Amino acid sequence: MSFPHSSESIYSISPYIGGDVTPPGFTRRVVLASNENPYGPSEKVKEVVNNYTNRIHCYPSGAANDLRAALGRAHDLDPSWIVTGNGSEDILHLLARAFVQPGDEVLISQHGFGVYKIATLVMGGVPVEVPRIDFRLNVEDVLNLVTPKTKIFYLDHPGNPIAHYLTNDEVEELLKRIPSHVLVVFDSAYAEYLDDSNYHCGFKWVDRYPNVVVTRTFSKAYAMANLRVGWLYAQPDIIDPINRIRPPFNTTGLSQMAAIAALEDQEWIKKCVQLNKQVLTKFVADMKNLDIPMIPYMSNFVMAYFEKTQEVYRYLGERGLVVRPMGAYDLPQYLRITIGKQEEMQELIDVLGSCPHR
């Protein structure tokens, strides 16, 4: 028996399956499935967590005022243009709840983050897929799909699992030409990992365009995935409806204080990013030596191609190495591999070298 639901579209939604899944027969020992920072958070964050037990009985700040102020200082932003949430997934859902009505269209990049589609369908919206050519988005393809019904364009910037982004010039072209009734959401979860003059996370466009939103997270480079802290930056006309529907305590007091501590230790973030770059460079070279094709990479993961994907996935998992199959993203012959510590990636290379299925 199924109970009636206020939205029929709820039953068309495939649940999101994260990298925490461990299939039968797998040994969960080295987990390279969720794009986590393997070095963990700053020692300042750990100190906050260790000392917080005497405040668990207290409600947190519903507006997260201190955290928004800290974000403003760290990024030179107006704190009143910031909203925090329970991870950036919470923020992405809030945007759909605030701006999408049944029948509205939402543009989603091909192979884009699964939450975009879920957030759209929950509101009775219609996901419209923007194709990628050679795993790259084209501005003209985006603009050609815009209609009067289009309400949001979720732009993964850079993408996951396809690590592509629009260059500054491409973004300028897009924003100059896209109608003002379309909310352009820059999902910049991996921005800390990019060091390219042709890339910008999106803050500078929020100041110029009232229909631009940037979402960020503490789950990746800041290594706070378990504490669930995300945030958005947008102009007041977007902030106001979000705050009207936002759950009153959607970030915990512990999460807020830990995020403030993390922002105050940028040296740790720089160190983690540099370590990731070093390990990534060596891992890519090792994969090329094994003649394993990959989609172009740029953050803290790679997409590796295998003819017998499921066999390789199981071979790795049975030996304690858990990676992420991409069938749910219409990429059935790819495994997404998070960049872990050097010894973890070397073990993975060694096991792949002996794998009879690749």
Protein backbone atom coordinates (compact mmCIF):
# COMPACT_ATOMS: atom_id res chain seq x y z
CA MET A 1 0.00 0.00 0.00
CA SER A 2 1.26 3.48 -0.79
CA PHE A 3 -0.15 6.56 0.91
CA PRO A 4 -1.27 9.52 -1.21
CA HIS A 5 1.26 12.31 -1.37
CA SER A 6 0.68 15.99 -2.03
CA SER A 7 3.01 15.75 -5.01
CA GLU A 8 2.59 12.88 -7.44
CA SER A 9 6.09 13.56 -8.75
CA ILE A 10 7.56 12.28 -5.48
CA TYR A 11 7.27 8.71 -6.79
CA SER A 12 9.24 9.53 -9.93
CA ILE A 13 12.30 10.42 -7.84
CA SER A 14 15.16 7.96 -7.54
CA PRO A 15 16.67 8.34 -4.07
CA TYR A 16 20.13 9.83 -3.89
CA ILE A 17 22.76 7.16 -3.18
CA GLY A 18 25.95 8.49 -1.66
CA GLY A 19 29.43 7.10 -1.43
CA ASP A 20 28.76 5.72 2.06
CA VAL A 21 27.22 2.54 0.57
CA THR A 22 29.25 -0.62 1.13
CA PRO A 23 27.98 -3.54 -1.01
CA PRO A 24 28.02 -7.10 0.36
CA GLY A 25 31.45 -8.67 0.16
CA PHE A 26 33.28 -5.34 0.33
CA THR A 27 35.71 -4.41 3.06
CA ARG A 28 35.41 -0.73 3.93
CA ARG A 29 39.05 0.12 4.65
CA VAL A 30 40.29 2.78 2.20
CA VAL A 31 37.28 4.87 1.16
CA LEU A 32 37.78 6.90 -2.01
CA ALA A 33 34.11 7.31 -2.88
CA SER A 34 32.89 10.65 -1.48
CA ASN A 35 35.49 13.29 -2.43
CA GLU A 36 36.34 13.86 1.22
CA ASN A 37 39.49 15.63 2.39
CA PRO A 38 41.57 12.70 3.72
CA TYR A 39 43.67 14.93 5.98
CA GLY A 40 40.75 15.92 8.18
CA PRO A 41 39.87 19.37 9.54
CA SER A 42 42.09 21.97 11.16
CA GLU A 43 43.26 21.37 14.71
CA LYS A 44 41.25 24.48 15.63
CA VAL A 45 38.11 22.72 14.46
CA LYS A 46 38.94 19.62 16.51
CA GLU A 47 39.44 21.80 19.58
CA VAL A 48 35.99 23.36 19.15
CA VAL A 49 34.38 19.94 18.78
CA ASN A 50 36.16 18.55 21.84
CA ASN A 51 35.07 21.49 24.02
CA TYR A 52 31.43 21.75 22.96
CA THR A 53 29.75 19.17 25.19
CA ASN A 54 28.61 21.72 27.78
CA ARG A 55 26.50 23.56 25.17
CA ILE A 56 24.63 20.67 23.57
CA HIS A 57 21.44 21.50 25.51
CA CYS A 58 21.29 25.03 24.03
CA TYR A 59 19.58 26.06 20.81
CA PRO A 60 21.95 27.44 18.16
CA SER A 61 21.70 30.85 16.55
CA GLY A 62 18.94 30.49 13.99
CA ALA A 63 20.42 33.22 11.80
CA ALA A 64 24.01 32.00 12.29
CA ASN A 65 25.07 35.62 12.76
CA ASP A 66 28.63 34.95 13.93
CA LEU A 67 29.27 32.47 11.13
CA ARG A 68 27.86 34.81 8.49
CA ALA A 69 30.08 37.58 9.85
CA ALA A 70 33.11 35.28 9.69
CA LEU A 71 32.26 34.32 6.11
CA GLY A 72 31.96 37.99 5.26
CA ARG A 73 35.40 38.71 6.69
CA ALA A 74 37.00 35.70 5.01
CA HIS A 75 35.64 36.45 1.53
CA ASP A 76 35.06 40.22 1.72
CA LEU A 77 31.30 39.80 1.39
CA ASP A 78 28.25 41.47 2.92
CA PRO A 79 27.04 39.09 5.69
CA SER A 80 23.43 40.16 5.10
CA TRP A 81 23.69 38.57 1.64
CA ILE A 82 24.60 35.17 3.16
CA VAL A 83 22.36 32.27 4.23
CA THR A 84 23.73 29.13 5.87
CA GLY A 85 22.32 25.63 5.62
CA ASN A 86 22.66 21.98 6.48
CA GLY A 87 25.25 21.36 3.79
CA SER A 88 24.97 22.85 0.31
CA GLU A 89 22.33 20.20 -0.53
CA ASP A 90 20.00 21.99 1.91
CA ILE A 91 20.68 25.27 0.12
CA LEU A 92 19.99 23.75 -3.31
CA HIS A 93 16.66 22.41 -2.07
CA LEU A 94 15.74 25.76 -0.49
CA LEU A 95 16.32 27.50 -3.81
CA ALA A 96 13.94 25.13 -5.57
CA ARG A 97 11.34 25.48 -2.83
CA ALA A 98 11.48 29.25 -3.06
CA PHE A 99 11.48 29.70 -6.83
CA VAL A 100 10.09 26.59 -8.58
CA GLN A 101 6.37 25.90 -9.02
CA PRO A 102 4.73 22.89 -10.70
CA GLY A 103 5.43 22.94 -14.43
CA ASP A 104 8.40 25.27 -14.20
CA GLU A 105 11.57 24.19 -15.97
CA VAL A 106 15.00 23.84 -14.39
CA LEU A 107 18.16 23.50 -16.46
CA ILE A 108 20.59 20.84 -15.26
CA SER A 109 23.94 19.98 -16.82
CA GLN A 110 24.20 16.50 -18.28
CA HIS A 111 25.81 14.18 -15.71
CA GLY A 112 25.24 16.93 -13.09
CA PHE A 113 24.95 16.47 -9.32
CA GLY A 114 21.92 14.27 -8.57
CA VAL A 115 20.43 16.65 -5.99
CA TYR A 116 19.57 19.19 -8.73
CA LYS A 117 17.05 16.83 -10.27
CA ILE A 118 15.66 15.69 -6.92
CA ALA A 119 15.12 19.27 -5.74
CA THR A 120 13.34 20.08 -9.00
CA LEU A 121 11.04 17.05 -8.99
CA VAL A 122 10.06 17.58 -5.35
CA MET A 123 8.52 20.90 -6.37
CA GLY A 124 6.79 19.45 -9.42
CA GLY A 125 9.29 21.12 -11.71
CA VAL A 126 10.54 19.77 -15.03
CA PRO A 127 14.29 18.98 -15.26
CA VAL A 128 15.74 19.97 -18.64
CA GLU A 129 19.13 18.46 -19.40
CA VAL A 130 21.82 20.61 -21.00
CA PRO A 131 24.02 18.32 -23.11
CA ARG A 132 27.78 18.20 -22.77
CA ILE A 133 30.01 17.84 -25.81
CA ASP A 134 33.26 16.01 -24.98
CA PHE A 135 32.25 16.45 -21.33
CA ARG A 136 32.13 20.26 -21.68
CA LEU A 137 29.22 22.67 -21.44
CA ASN A 138 28.58 25.17 -24.20
CA VAL A 139 26.95 28.53 -23.48
CA GLU A 140 24.91 28.42 -26.68
CA ASP A 141 23.46 25.05 -25.70
CA VAL A 142 22.36 26.52 -22.38
CA LEU A 143 20.76 29.60 -23.93
CA ASN A 144 18.97 27.56 -26.61
CA LEU A 145 17.09 25.64 -23.90
CA VAL A 146 15.85 28.68 -21.98
CA THR A 147 12.09 29.29 -22.25
CA PRO A 148 9.64 31.56 -20.41
CA LYS A 149 9.07 28.61 -18.05
CA THR A 150 12.76 28.32 -17.07
CA LYS A 151 13.26 29.34 -13.43
CA ILE A 152 16.70 28.00 -12.40
CA PHE A 153 19.91 26.91 -14.06
CA TYR A 154 21.93 24.76 -11.65
CA LEU A 155 25.50 25.25 -12.89
CA ASP A 156 28.02 22.87 -11.32
CA HIS A 157 31.12 25.06 -11.20
CA PRO A 158 33.31 23.01 -11.35
CA GLY A 159 31.25 19.91 -11.90
CA ASN A 160 30.89 16.65 -10.04
CA PRO A 161 31.37 14.03 -11.40
CA ILE A 162 32.45 15.89 -14.56
CA ALA A 163 35.14 18.32 -13.39
CA HIS A 164 34.46 21.06 -15.94
CA TYR A 165 33.73 24.76 -15.46
CA LEU A 166 32.84 27.71 -17.64
CA THR A 167 35.69 30.20 -18.08
CA ASN A 168 35.28 33.80 -16.96
CA ASP A 169 34.63 34.89 -20.54
CA GLU A 170 32.04 32.15 -21.01
CA VAL A 171 30.28 33.15 -17.79
CA GLU A 172 30.21 36.79 -18.89
CA GLU A 173 28.62 35.77 -22.18
CA LEU A 174 26.07 33.60 -20.41
CA LEU A 175 25.03 36.24 -17.88
CA LYS A 176 24.79 39.01 -20.46
CA ARG A 177 22.39 36.97 -22.57
CA ILE A 178 20.37 34.79 -20.23
CA PRO A 179 16.96 36.32 -19.33
CA SER A 180 16.75 37.94 -15.91
CA HIS A 181 13.88 35.63 -14.85
CA VAL A 182 16.32 32.68 -14.77
CA LEU A 183 18.17 32.18 -11.50
CA VAL A 184 21.75 31.11 -12.28
CA VAL A 185 23.08 29.04 -9.37
CA PHE A 186 26.85 28.56 -9.29
CA ASP A 187 27.41 25.40 -7.26
CA SER A 188 31.06 26.03 -6.36
CA ALA A 189 31.60 23.21 -3.87
CA TYR A 190 35.12 22.51 -5.15
CA ALA A 191 36.28 26.12 -5.61
CA GLU A 192 39.11 25.84 -3.09
CA TYR A 193 40.84 23.26 -5.28
CA LEU A 194 40.99 25.43 -8.39
CA ASP A 195 43.94 27.71 -9.07
CA ASP A 196 43.26 29.10 -12.53
CA SER A 197 43.02 32.72 -13.68
CA ASN A 198 40.17 31.66 -15.99
CA TYR A 199 38.05 30.50 -13.04
CA HIS A 200 36.04 32.44 -10.48
CA CYS A 201 33.64 30.91 -7.97
CA GLY A 202 30.97 33.48 -8.82
CA PHE A 203 30.97 36.07 -6.03
CA LYS A 204 31.87 38.93 -8.37
CA TRP A 205 28.85 38.21 -10.56
CA VAL A 206 26.44 38.28 -7.62
CA ASP A 207 27.33 41.94 -7.12
CA ARG A 208 26.44 42.74 -10.76
CA TYR A 209 23.52 40.43 -11.51
CA PRO A 210 20.47 40.11 -9.22
CA ASN A 211 19.67 36.67 -10.67
CA VAL A 212 22.98 35.05 -9.66
CA VAL A 213 23.49 32.82 -6.60
CA VAL A 214 26.69 31.15 -5.39
CA THR A 215 26.59 28.10 -3.13
CA ARG A 216 29.61 26.89 -1.16
CA THR A 217 30.33 24.14 1.34
CA PHE A 218 32.59 23.16 4.22
CA SER A 219 32.34 19.47 3.27
CA LYS A 220 35.20 19.26 0.78
CA ALA A 221 38.45 21.18 1.29
CA TYR A 222 37.47 22.15 4.85
CA ALA A 223 36.97 18.45 5.73
CA MET A 224 33.77 19.01 7.73
CA ALA A 225 31.38 16.78 5.76
CA ASN A 226 29.96 15.21 8.93
CA LEU A 227 29.10 18.59 10.46
CA ARG A 228 26.94 19.65 7.46
CA VAL A 229 27.63 23.31 6.76
CA GLY A 230 26.80 24.96 3.44
CA TRP A 231 25.96 28.52 2.50
CA LEU A 232 24.86 30.79 -0.30
CA TYR A 233 25.65 34.33 -1.36
CA ALA A 234 23.01 36.32 -3.23
CA GLN A 235 21.29 39.69 -3.37
CA PRO A 236 18.54 40.56 -0.82
CA ASP A 237 15.62 39.82 -3.18
CA ILE A 238 16.80 36.20 -3.25
CA ILE A 239 17.82 36.05 0.41
CA ASP A 240 14.42 37.22 1.67
CA PRO A 241 12.24 34.34 0.38
CA ILE A 242 14.94 31.82 1.34
CA ASN A 243 14.90 33.04 4.94
CA ARG A 244 11.10 32.90 5.01
CA ILE A 245 11.07 29.15 4.33
CA ARG A 246 14.42 28.12 5.85
CA PRO A 247 14.11 25.83 8.88
CA PRO A 248 14.89 27.99 11.92
CA PHE A 249 17.88 25.95 13.14
CA ASN A 250 19.27 24.39 9.96
CA THR A 251 22.87 24.63 11.17
CA THR A 252 23.85 23.48 14.64
CA GLY A 253 25.76 25.61 17.11
CA LEU A 254 28.64 23.15 16.98
CA SER A 255 28.73 23.34 13.19
CA GLN A 256 28.67 27.13 13.24
CA MET A 257 31.53 27.40 15.74
CA ALA A 258 33.57 24.74 13.95
CA ALA A 259 33.12 26.54 10.63
CA ILE A 260 34.29 29.82 12.17
CA ALA A 261 37.40 28.04 13.50
CA ALA A 262 38.02 26.50 10.08
CA LEU A 263 37.84 29.89 8.38
CA GLU A 264 40.46 31.20 10.79
CA ASP A 265 42.99 28.54 9.74
CA GLN A 266 43.48 29.17 6.03
CA GLU A 267 47.04 27.83 6.24
CA TRP A 268 45.59 24.38 6.87
CA ILE A 269 43.33 24.67 3.83
CA LYS A 270 46.28 25.75 1.67
CA LYS A 271 48.31 22.79 2.94
CA CYS A 272 45.50 20.31 2.17
CA VAL A 273 45.01 21.74 -1.30
CA GLN A 274 48.72 21.55 -2.03
CA LEU A 275 48.94 17.95 -0.80
CA ASN A 276 45.95 17.06 -2.97
CA LYS A 277 47.65 18.61 -6.00
CA GLN A 278 50.86 16.68 -5.41
CA VAL A 279 49.11 13.34 -4.94
CA LEU A 280 46.77 13.98 -7.88
CA THR A 281 49.69 14.71 -10.21
CA LYS A 282 51.46 11.47 -9.31
CA PHE A 283 48.26 9.41 -9.43
CA VAL A 284 47.36 10.68 -12.89
CA ALA A 285 50.86 9.79 -14.13
CA ASP A 286 50.56 6.31 -12.61
CA MET A 287 47.14 5.78 -14.21
CA LYS A 288 48.53 6.80 -17.59
CA ASN A 289 51.31 4.24 -17.13
CA LEU A 290 48.58 1.64 -16.67
CA ASP A 291 46.87 2.89 -19.86
CA ILE A 292 43.65 3.68 -17.98
CA PRO A 293 41.74 6.51 -19.74
CA MET A 294 40.37 9.38 -17.65
CA ILE A 295 38.10 12.38 -18.10
CA PRO A 296 40.11 15.62 -17.66
CA TYR A 297 40.60 16.34 -13.95
CA MET A 298 41.07 19.49 -11.88
CA SER A 299 39.83 19.09 -8.30
CA ASN A 300 40.11 16.23 -5.79
CA PHE A 301 38.89 13.30 -7.88
CA VAL A 302 39.30 11.63 -11.26
CA MET A 303 36.89 9.75 -13.51
CA ALA A 304 38.48 6.55 -14.77
CA TYR A 305 37.16 4.51 -17.71
CA PHE A 306 36.95 0.70 -17.64
CA GLU A 307 35.43 -1.73 -20.13
CA LYS A 308 34.39 -4.01 -17.26
CA THR A 309 33.47 -1.37 -14.72
CA GLN A 310 31.51 -3.51 -12.28
CA GLU A 311 34.14 -6.22 -12.25
CA VAL A 312 36.87 -3.67 -11.46
CA TYR A 313 34.65 -2.02 -8.81
CA ARG A 314 34.09 -5.35 -7.09
CA TYR A 315 37.75 -6.40 -7.40
CA LEU A 316 38.78 -3.20 -5.61
CA GLY A 317 36.03 -3.43 -2.99
CA GLU A 318 36.87 -7.00 -2.07
CA ARG A 319 40.38 -5.75 -1.31
CA GLY A 320 39.22 -2.89 0.89
CA LEU A 321 39.32 -0.10 -1.70
CA VAL A 322 35.90 1.55 -2.10
CA VAL A 323 35.41 3.89 -5.08
CA ARG A 324 32.23 5.26 -6.69
CA PRO A 325 30.50 3.71 -9.73
CA MET A 326 28.84 6.32 -11.95
CA GLY A 327 25.95 4.38 -13.47
CA ALA A 328 23.44 6.65 -11.70
CA TYR A 329 24.95 9.56 -13.66
CA ASP A 330 24.57 7.81 -17.03
CA LEU A 331 28.29 7.06 -17.03
CA PRO A 332 28.19 3.28 -16.54
CA GLN A 333 31.77 2.66 -17.66
CA TYR A 334 33.35 5.11 -15.25
CA LEU A 335 34.51 4.92 -11.66
CA ARG A 336 34.98 8.14 -9.72
CA ILE A 337 38.08 7.96 -7.57
CA THR A 338 38.69 10.45 -4.78
CA ILE A 339 42.28 11.59 -4.28
CA GLY A 340 43.28 10.28 -0.87
CA LYS A 341 46.64 10.17 0.85
CA GLN A 342 49.72 9.14 -1.11
CA GLU A 343 49.93 5.68 0.46
CA GLU A 344 46.25 5.05 -0.29
CA MET A 345 46.61 6.02 -3.94
CA GLN A 346 49.73 3.89 -4.29
CA GLU A 347 47.86 0.89 -2.91
CA LEU A 348 45.07 1.55 -5.41
CA ILE A 349 47.58 1.70 -8.28
CA ASP A 350 49.17 -1.55 -7.12
CA VAL A 351 45.80 -3.32 -6.95
CA LEU A 352 44.70 -1.96 -10.33
CA GLY A 353 47.99 -3.15 -11.79
CA SER A 354 47.12 -6.71 -10.82
CA CYS A 355 43.42 -6.45 -11.71
CA PRO A 356 42.51 -9.01 -14.44
CA HIS A 357 39.37 -7.07 -15.48
CA ARG A 358 40.73 -3.70 -16.59
